[in-house]
Amino acid sequence: MSIFLLCRSDTLEPVLVVELDDASHDRPDRRERDGFVDELFASVELPILHLRARKSYEPHEIRRQIEEALRIGEPVLAVPSQKA
């Protein structure tokens, strides 16, 4: 499990928590813990994005999921584009 906190670059205000979930998150005790964590972040109005841990990621897909989690149309983070 890895957790990242994305912040605004100008104010360092937290805007999104990203948690990489491994297979252990399929267990009942981990699902219970995830529910608690989700409620905790919701109570402080900080969205959390759960991503399944993988060996590799598509940067444009991560960017899309972050933007969707933040419900915005403008990019909040520079993700390197993939080279053809």
N, C-alpha and C. Protein backbone atom coordinates (compact mmCIF):
# COMPACT_ATOMS: atom_id res chain seq x y z
N MET A 1 0.84 -1.18 0.00
CA MET A 1 0.00 0.00 0.00
C MET A 1 0.89 1.24 0.00
N SER A 2 0.56 2.15 -0.86
CA SER A 2 1.24 3.45 -0.90
C SER A 2 0.18 4.53 -0.95
N ILE A 3 0.44 5.62 -0.25
CA ILE A 3 -0.49 6.75 -0.22
C ILE A 3 0.27 8.00 -0.64
N PHE A 4 -0.38 8.78 -1.51
CA PHE A 4 0.20 10.03 -2.00
C PHE A 4 -0.79 11.16 -1.72
N LEU A 5 -0.26 12.31 -1.41
CA LEU A 5 -1.09 13.48 -1.19
C LEU A 5 -0.75 14.50 -2.27
N LEU A 6 -1.73 14.84 -3.09
CA LEU A 6 -1.54 15.85 -4.14
C LEU A 6 -1.96 17.20 -3.58
N CYS A 7 -1.10 18.19 -3.76
CA CYS A 7 -1.34 19.53 -3.23
C CYS A 7 -1.23 20.56 -4.34
N ARG A 8 -1.89 21.69 -4.13
CA ARG A 8 -1.74 22.82 -5.05
C ARG A 8 -0.30 23.32 -4.95
N SER A 9 0.31 23.61 -6.06
CA SER A 9 1.72 24.04 -6.03
C SER A 9 1.90 25.44 -5.45
N ASP A 10 0.87 26.29 -5.57
CA ASP A 10 1.03 27.66 -5.09
C ASP A 10 0.75 27.83 -3.59
N THR A 11 -0.13 26.97 -3.03
CA THR A 11 -0.49 27.14 -1.62
C THR A 11 -0.18 25.91 -0.76
N LEU A 12 0.17 24.82 -1.40
CA LEU A 12 0.37 23.53 -0.73
C LEU A 12 -0.90 23.01 -0.06
N GLU A 13 -2.05 23.53 -0.48
CA GLU A 13 -3.33 23.03 0.03
C GLU A 13 -3.57 21.63 -0.52
N PRO A 14 -3.85 20.66 0.35
CA PRO A 14 -4.15 19.31 -0.14
C PRO A 14 -5.41 19.32 -0.99
N VAL A 15 -5.37 18.59 -2.11
CA VAL A 15 -6.55 18.52 -2.99
C VAL A 15 -7.02 17.09 -3.24
N LEU A 16 -6.14 16.12 -3.06
CA LEU A 16 -6.53 14.74 -3.35
C LEU A 16 -5.56 13.77 -2.70
N VAL A 17 -6.10 12.71 -2.16
CA VAL A 17 -5.30 11.59 -1.66
C VAL A 17 -5.42 10.48 -2.69
N VAL A 18 -4.28 9.89 -3.04
CA VAL A 18 -4.26 8.75 -3.96
C VAL A 18 -3.68 7.57 -3.20
N GLU A 19 -4.45 6.48 -3.14
CA GLU A 19 -3.97 5.28 -2.46
C GLU A 19 -3.87 4.15 -3.47
N LEU A 20 -2.70 3.52 -3.51
CA LEU A 20 -2.52 2.35 -4.35
C LEU A 20 -2.90 1.12 -3.53
N ASP A 21 -3.91 0.42 -3.98
CA ASP A 21 -4.44 -0.73 -3.26
C ASP A 21 -3.91 -2.02 -3.88
N ASP A 22 -3.28 -2.85 -3.05
CA ASP A 22 -2.82 -4.15 -3.52
C ASP A 22 -3.92 -5.19 -3.26
N ALA A 23 -3.61 -6.45 -3.49
CA ALA A 23 -4.61 -7.52 -3.35
C ALA A 23 -5.14 -7.65 -1.93
N SER A 24 -4.38 -7.19 -0.94
CA SER A 24 -4.85 -7.29 0.44
C SER A 24 -6.13 -6.50 0.67
N HIS A 25 -6.42 -5.54 -0.19
CA HIS A 25 -7.62 -4.72 -0.03
C HIS A 25 -8.89 -5.49 -0.39
N ASP A 26 -8.74 -6.73 -0.85
CA ASP A 26 -9.90 -7.57 -1.11
C ASP A 26 -10.37 -8.29 0.16
N ARG A 27 -9.55 -8.30 1.19
CA ARG A 27 -9.90 -8.96 2.44
C ARG A 27 -10.94 -8.13 3.20
N PRO A 28 -11.83 -8.80 3.94
CA PRO A 28 -12.87 -8.07 4.70
C PRO A 28 -12.30 -7.03 5.67
N ASP A 29 -11.22 -7.35 6.37
CA ASP A 29 -10.66 -6.39 7.33
C ASP A 29 -10.11 -5.16 6.62
N ARG A 30 -9.54 -5.33 5.44
CA ARG A 30 -9.03 -4.19 4.67
C ARG A 30 -10.16 -3.36 4.08
N ARG A 31 -11.23 -4.04 3.65
CA ARG A 31 -12.39 -3.30 3.13
C ARG A 31 -13.00 -2.44 4.24
N GLU A 32 -13.02 -2.99 5.44
CA GLU A 32 -13.53 -2.22 6.59
C GLU A 32 -12.63 -1.02 6.85
N ARG A 33 -11.33 -1.23 6.82
CA ARG A 33 -10.37 -0.14 7.02
C ARG A 33 -10.52 0.91 5.92
N ASP A 34 -10.69 0.47 4.66
CA ASP A 34 -10.86 1.41 3.56
C ASP A 34 -12.12 2.25 3.75
N GLY A 35 -13.19 1.62 4.22
CA GLY A 35 -14.43 2.36 4.48
C GLY A 35 -14.22 3.44 5.53
N PHE A 36 -13.48 3.08 6.58
CA PHE A 36 -13.18 4.05 7.63
C PHE A 36 -12.35 5.21 7.07
N VAL A 37 -11.32 4.89 6.30
CA VAL A 37 -10.45 5.92 5.71
C VAL A 37 -11.25 6.81 4.77
N ASP A 38 -12.11 6.21 3.94
CA ASP A 38 -12.93 7.00 3.01
C ASP A 38 -13.83 7.97 3.77
N GLU A 39 -14.45 7.50 4.86
CA GLU A 39 -15.31 8.37 5.67
C GLU A 39 -14.50 9.48 6.34
N LEU A 40 -13.32 9.15 6.80
CA LEU A 40 -12.45 10.14 7.43
C LEU A 40 -12.12 11.27 6.46
N PHE A 41 -11.68 10.91 5.26
CA PHE A 41 -11.34 11.95 4.28
C PHE A 41 -12.58 12.71 3.82
N ALA A 42 -13.72 12.04 3.71
CA ALA A 42 -14.95 12.73 3.33
C ALA A 42 -15.33 13.76 4.39
N SER A 43 -15.08 13.44 5.66
CA SER A 43 -15.44 14.36 6.74
C SER A 43 -14.62 15.65 6.70
N VAL A 44 -13.43 15.59 6.12
CA VAL A 44 -12.60 16.80 6.00
C VAL A 44 -12.63 17.33 4.56
N GLU A 45 -13.57 16.79 3.76
CA GLU A 45 -13.78 17.22 2.38
C GLU A 45 -12.52 17.12 1.53
N LEU A 46 -11.81 16.02 1.70
CA LEU A 46 -10.62 15.73 0.90
C LEU A 46 -10.88 14.43 0.15
N PRO A 47 -11.03 14.50 -1.17
CA PRO A 47 -11.35 13.28 -1.91
C PRO A 47 -10.18 12.29 -1.90
N ILE A 48 -10.54 11.02 -2.00
CA ILE A 48 -9.54 9.97 -2.07
C ILE A 48 -9.80 9.13 -3.32
N LEU A 49 -8.74 8.82 -4.01
CA LEU A 49 -8.81 8.01 -5.23
C LEU A 49 -8.07 6.71 -4.96
N HIS A 50 -8.78 5.60 -5.07
CA HIS A 50 -8.16 4.28 -4.89
C HIS A 50 -7.79 3.75 -6.27
N LEU A 51 -6.52 3.44 -6.44
CA LEU A 51 -6.04 2.83 -7.68
C LEU A 51 -5.48 1.46 -7.36
N ARG A 52 -5.77 0.51 -8.21
CA ARG A 52 -5.24 -0.83 -8.02
C ARG A 52 -3.75 -0.80 -8.33
N ALA A 53 -2.95 -1.35 -7.42
CA ALA A 53 -1.50 -1.40 -7.62
C ALA A 53 -1.18 -2.32 -8.79
N ARG A 54 -0.31 -1.84 -9.68
CA ARG A 54 0.10 -2.61 -10.86
C ARG A 54 1.59 -2.43 -11.08
N LYS A 55 2.13 -3.21 -11.99
CA LYS A 55 3.55 -3.09 -12.33
C LYS A 55 3.82 -1.82 -13.12
N SER A 56 2.84 -1.41 -13.94
CA SER A 56 3.03 -0.20 -14.72
C SER A 56 1.66 0.48 -14.92
N TYR A 57 1.73 1.75 -15.29
CA TYR A 57 0.53 2.55 -15.44
C TYR A 57 0.61 3.35 -16.74
N GLU A 58 -0.55 3.72 -17.25
CA GLU A 58 -0.64 4.61 -18.40
C GLU A 58 -0.83 6.02 -17.85
N PRO A 59 0.14 6.92 -18.05
CA PRO A 59 0.03 8.27 -17.48
C PRO A 59 -1.27 8.99 -17.83
N HIS A 60 -1.73 8.86 -19.08
CA HIS A 60 -2.97 9.56 -19.46
C HIS A 60 -4.18 9.01 -18.72
N GLU A 61 -4.16 7.72 -18.38
CA GLU A 61 -5.27 7.13 -17.63
C GLU A 61 -5.25 7.60 -16.18
N ILE A 62 -4.07 7.69 -15.59
CA ILE A 62 -3.96 8.20 -14.23
C ILE A 62 -4.44 9.65 -14.19
N ARG A 63 -4.01 10.42 -15.17
CA ARG A 63 -4.44 11.83 -15.24
C ARG A 63 -5.95 11.93 -15.33
N ARG A 64 -6.57 11.11 -16.18
CA ARG A 64 -8.02 11.13 -16.34
C ARG A 64 -8.71 10.80 -15.01
N GLN A 65 -8.21 9.80 -14.32
CA GLN A 65 -8.83 9.40 -13.06
C GLN A 65 -8.67 10.49 -11.99
N ILE A 66 -7.52 11.15 -11.97
CA ILE A 66 -7.31 12.24 -11.01
C ILE A 66 -8.27 13.38 -11.31
N GLU A 67 -8.37 13.76 -12.58
CA GLU A 67 -9.27 14.85 -12.94
C GLU A 67 -10.72 14.49 -12.62
N GLU A 68 -11.09 13.24 -12.87
CA GLU A 68 -12.44 12.80 -12.55
C GLU A 68 -12.68 12.84 -11.04
N ALA A 69 -11.70 12.41 -10.27
CA ALA A 69 -11.84 12.42 -8.81
C ALA A 69 -12.00 13.85 -8.29
N LEU A 70 -11.37 14.79 -8.95
CA LEU A 70 -11.47 16.18 -8.54
C LEU A 70 -12.66 16.89 -9.18
N ARG A 71 -13.31 16.22 -10.12
CA ARG A 71 -14.46 16.77 -10.84
C ARG A 71 -14.14 18.12 -11.46
N ILE A 72 -13.07 18.14 -12.21
CA ILE A 72 -12.67 19.38 -12.88
C ILE A 72 -12.41 19.11 -14.35
N GLY A 73 -12.36 20.16 -15.12
CA GLY A 73 -12.05 20.02 -16.53
C GLY A 73 -10.63 20.40 -16.86
N GLU A 74 -10.02 21.20 -16.01
CA GLU A 74 -8.66 21.65 -16.26
C GLU A 74 -7.66 20.74 -15.56
N PRO A 75 -6.56 20.45 -16.20
CA PRO A 75 -5.56 19.59 -15.58
C PRO A 75 -4.99 20.23 -14.29
N VAL A 76 -4.73 19.39 -13.30
CA VAL A 76 -4.16 19.88 -12.05
C VAL A 76 -2.73 19.44 -11.89
N LEU A 77 -2.24 18.63 -12.79
CA LEU A 77 -0.94 18.03 -12.61
C LEU A 77 -0.36 17.73 -13.97
N ALA A 78 0.90 17.98 -14.12
CA ALA A 78 1.56 17.68 -15.38
C ALA A 78 2.00 16.24 -15.38
N VAL A 79 1.46 15.46 -16.29
CA VAL A 79 1.86 14.06 -16.47
C VAL A 79 2.58 13.98 -17.79
N PRO A 80 3.79 13.45 -17.83
CA PRO A 80 4.50 13.36 -19.10
C PRO A 80 3.68 12.62 -20.14
N SER A 81 3.66 13.15 -21.34
CA SER A 81 2.94 12.48 -22.40
C SER A 81 3.72 11.26 -22.86
N GLN A 82 3.00 10.28 -23.39
CA GLN A 82 3.66 9.08 -23.90
C GLN A 82 4.21 9.36 -25.27
N LYS A 83 5.38 8.84 -25.52
CA LYS A 83 5.98 9.00 -26.84
C LYS A 83 5.50 7.87 -27.73
N ALA A 84 5.27 8.21 -28.98
CA ALA A 84 4.78 7.20 -29.94
C ALA A 84 5.87 6.24 -30.33
